[in-house]
Every structure is written in structure tokens, then in C-alpha cells.
Amino acid sequence: FGLLNAHRDRCLITIVAVDQIMEETTSKTALWAKSPDDIWINLDERVDPGEIIIFTGEDFEQLSEGFNIKLPAVLHCTRVDPNAERLILLDDLPDPESSSHNNRVSVAFVLSDSMM
């Protein structure tokens, strides 16, 4: 429900499940990821009900470099428009551009190799 500006998670991996609210609206918050071609991709549009999204974090990127491969941490955000101006941290508030009803509902599981 909250807004997240573009960022990379510090963890190993992040797993996301999203409830696809099928009502069409142009002001619905979505999970976006930056492709290697520097294009924002709406991940919510690419998953069917019951599917999950998995992406790598900075710890995984560092671990992969130890095996002479680089699997970069995924730059991602939850916004209506991933190219919109960066806003002050609003993790517990919706994107100001999002609709007030039938918005995105999701849960994320973050796996890390260390305890905070």
C-alpha cells in the first residue's frame, strides 16, 4: 500500500505476491523493475494469480561476484509512474497519484543472510 521510490534491496532475495485487482484504472500503484536495457517494466502486469515475483538484492549481487558472475540487485519501486519525481519517504502512505480505492495489495518476503 505504501509508496517506495526507486531502490535496491540490501538482502539476498525478495519474493513478492500481489493480489491482482482487475478493475482497470490508470492510477493504480504497481511494482516496477528496471531492465538491463534501462526500461521500467510493470511486474504486476506480468504475473498471473498464484504466481510470485522473485528478484535479487545487494547481498546476492556481492555473493555472485565471488563466483565470477554478476547478478545485479534489481532496481525497483512501487509507484503509479516509475519516472515520477522522487518523493520524501512515504513507506506507510499511498502514492499521491494513486486512486483511493481498488489499489495494489501485496506482501513481500525478504531473505537476508544476516540479522539486524
Protein backbone atom coordinates (compact mmCIF):
# COMPACT_ATOMS: atom_id res chain seq x y z
CA PHE A 1 0.00 0.00 0.00
CA GLY A 2 2.89 2.31 0.69
CA LEU A 3 4.95 4.22 -1.80
CA LEU A 4 8.55 3.23 -2.41
CA ASN A 5 10.85 5.35 -4.53
CA ALA A 6 13.34 3.52 -6.76
CA HIS A 7 15.78 1.48 -4.67
CA ARG A 8 17.72 -1.79 -4.46
CA ASP A 9 17.08 -4.11 -1.51
CA ARG A 10 20.11 -4.94 0.64
CA CYS A 11 19.05 -8.57 1.05
CA LEU A 12 19.74 -11.81 -0.81
CA ILE A 13 16.35 -12.09 -2.49
CA THR A 14 12.89 -10.55 -2.26
CA ILE A 15 9.75 -12.56 -3.01
CA VAL A 16 6.55 -10.65 -3.77
CA ALA A 17 2.96 -11.87 -4.07
CA VAL A 18 0.38 -9.42 -5.37
CA ASP A 19 -3.41 -9.54 -5.35
CA GLN A 20 -4.38 -8.53 -8.86
CA ILE A 21 -7.34 -6.20 -8.52
CA MET A 22 -8.75 -6.41 -12.02
CA GLU A 23 -10.61 -3.10 -12.17
CA GLU A 24 -8.99 -1.01 -14.87
CA THR A 25 -7.51 2.24 -13.67
CA THR A 26 -4.62 4.34 -14.86
CA SER A 27 -3.77 5.49 -11.36
CA LYS A 28 -3.01 2.14 -9.71
CA THR A 29 0.28 1.65 -7.90
CA ALA A 30 2.41 -1.12 -9.41
CA LEU A 31 5.70 -2.89 -8.76
CA TRP A 32 8.16 -1.70 -11.39
CA ALA A 33 11.68 -3.05 -12.09
CA LYS A 34 14.40 -1.53 -14.23
CA SER A 35 15.52 -3.83 -17.04
CA PRO A 36 19.16 -4.21 -18.14
CA ASP A 37 18.12 -2.03 -21.11
CA ASP A 38 17.23 0.78 -18.67
CA ILE A 39 13.47 0.43 -19.23
CA TRP A 40 10.90 0.30 -16.42
CA ILE A 41 8.80 -2.90 -16.57
CA ASN A 42 5.47 -3.26 -14.76
CA LEU A 43 5.96 -6.61 -12.98
CA ASP A 44 2.38 -6.71 -11.70
CA GLU A 45 1.16 -6.95 -15.32
CA ARG A 46 3.42 -9.94 -15.95
CA VAL A 47 2.20 -12.27 -13.20
CA ASP A 48 -0.96 -14.35 -13.09
CA PRO A 49 -2.92 -15.11 -9.91
CA GLY A 50 -0.96 -17.53 -7.73
CA GLU A 51 2.43 -16.58 -9.25
CA ILE A 52 5.18 -14.74 -7.38
CA ILE A 53 7.91 -12.27 -8.30
CA ILE A 54 11.48 -13.01 -7.18
CA PHE A 55 14.36 -10.59 -7.54
CA THR A 56 17.90 -10.27 -6.25
CA GLY A 57 19.26 -7.85 -3.68
CA GLU A 58 22.68 -6.34 -2.98
CA ASP A 59 23.81 -9.25 -0.76
CA PHE A 60 23.07 -11.67 -3.62
CA GLU A 61 24.95 -9.44 -6.07
CA GLN A 62 28.00 -9.46 -3.80
CA LEU A 63 27.75 -13.24 -3.30
CA SER A 64 27.51 -13.87 -7.06
CA GLU A 65 30.67 -11.83 -7.70
CA GLY A 66 32.55 -14.39 -5.58
CA PHE A 67 31.67 -16.97 -8.27
CA ASN A 68 32.93 -14.71 -11.09
CA ILE A 69 29.43 -13.85 -12.26
CA LYS A 70 27.47 -10.72 -11.58
CA LEU A 71 23.76 -10.94 -10.90
CA PRO A 72 22.94 -7.32 -10.10
CA ALA A 73 20.50 -6.22 -7.45
CA VAL A 74 17.24 -5.19 -9.07
CA LEU A 75 16.34 -1.51 -9.06
CA HIS A 76 12.61 -1.36 -8.34
CA CYS A 77 9.83 0.84 -6.98
CA THR A 78 6.13 0.81 -6.15
CA ARG A 79 4.67 3.85 -7.84
CA VAL A 80 1.93 4.78 -10.27
CA ASP A 81 4.63 6.22 -12.57
CA PRO A 82 8.18 4.97 -12.02
CA ASN A 83 9.53 8.07 -13.77
CA ALA A 84 7.70 10.46 -11.46
CA GLU A 85 9.63 12.86 -9.28
CA ARG A 86 11.25 11.24 -6.24
CA LEU A 87 9.22 11.95 -3.12
CA ILE A 88 10.17 12.09 0.53
CA LEU A 89 9.95 8.71 2.21
CA LEU A 90 6.30 7.68 2.41
CA ASP A 91 6.52 3.95 3.19
CA ASP A 92 3.24 3.96 5.07
CA LEU A 93 1.25 6.20 2.71
CA PRO A 94 -0.02 5.56 -0.82
CA ASP A 95 1.45 7.22 -3.89
CA PRO A 96 -0.27 10.63 -4.11
CA GLU A 97 -1.06 9.83 -7.76
CA SER A 98 -2.85 6.55 -6.93
CA SER A 99 -6.58 6.02 -6.75
CA SER A 100 -8.13 5.93 -3.28
CA HIS A 101 -9.80 2.53 -3.85
CA ASN A 102 -9.07 -0.73 -5.70
CA ASN A 103 -5.37 -0.13 -5.48
CA ARG A 104 -2.50 -2.63 -5.26
CA VAL A 105 -2.37 -5.18 -2.40
CA SER A 106 0.82 -7.19 -1.93
CA VAL A 107 3.09 -8.93 0.54
CA ALA A 108 6.89 -9.20 0.37
CA PHE A 109 9.22 -11.74 1.97
CA VAL A 110 12.81 -10.55 2.25
CA LEU A 111 15.53 -13.16 2.79
CA SER A 112 18.80 -11.89 4.23
CA ASP A 113 21.99 -13.63 5.28
CA SER A 114 22.46 -11.52 8.42
CA MET A 115 20.46 -10.39 11.41
CA MET A 116 19.98 -6.69 12.02
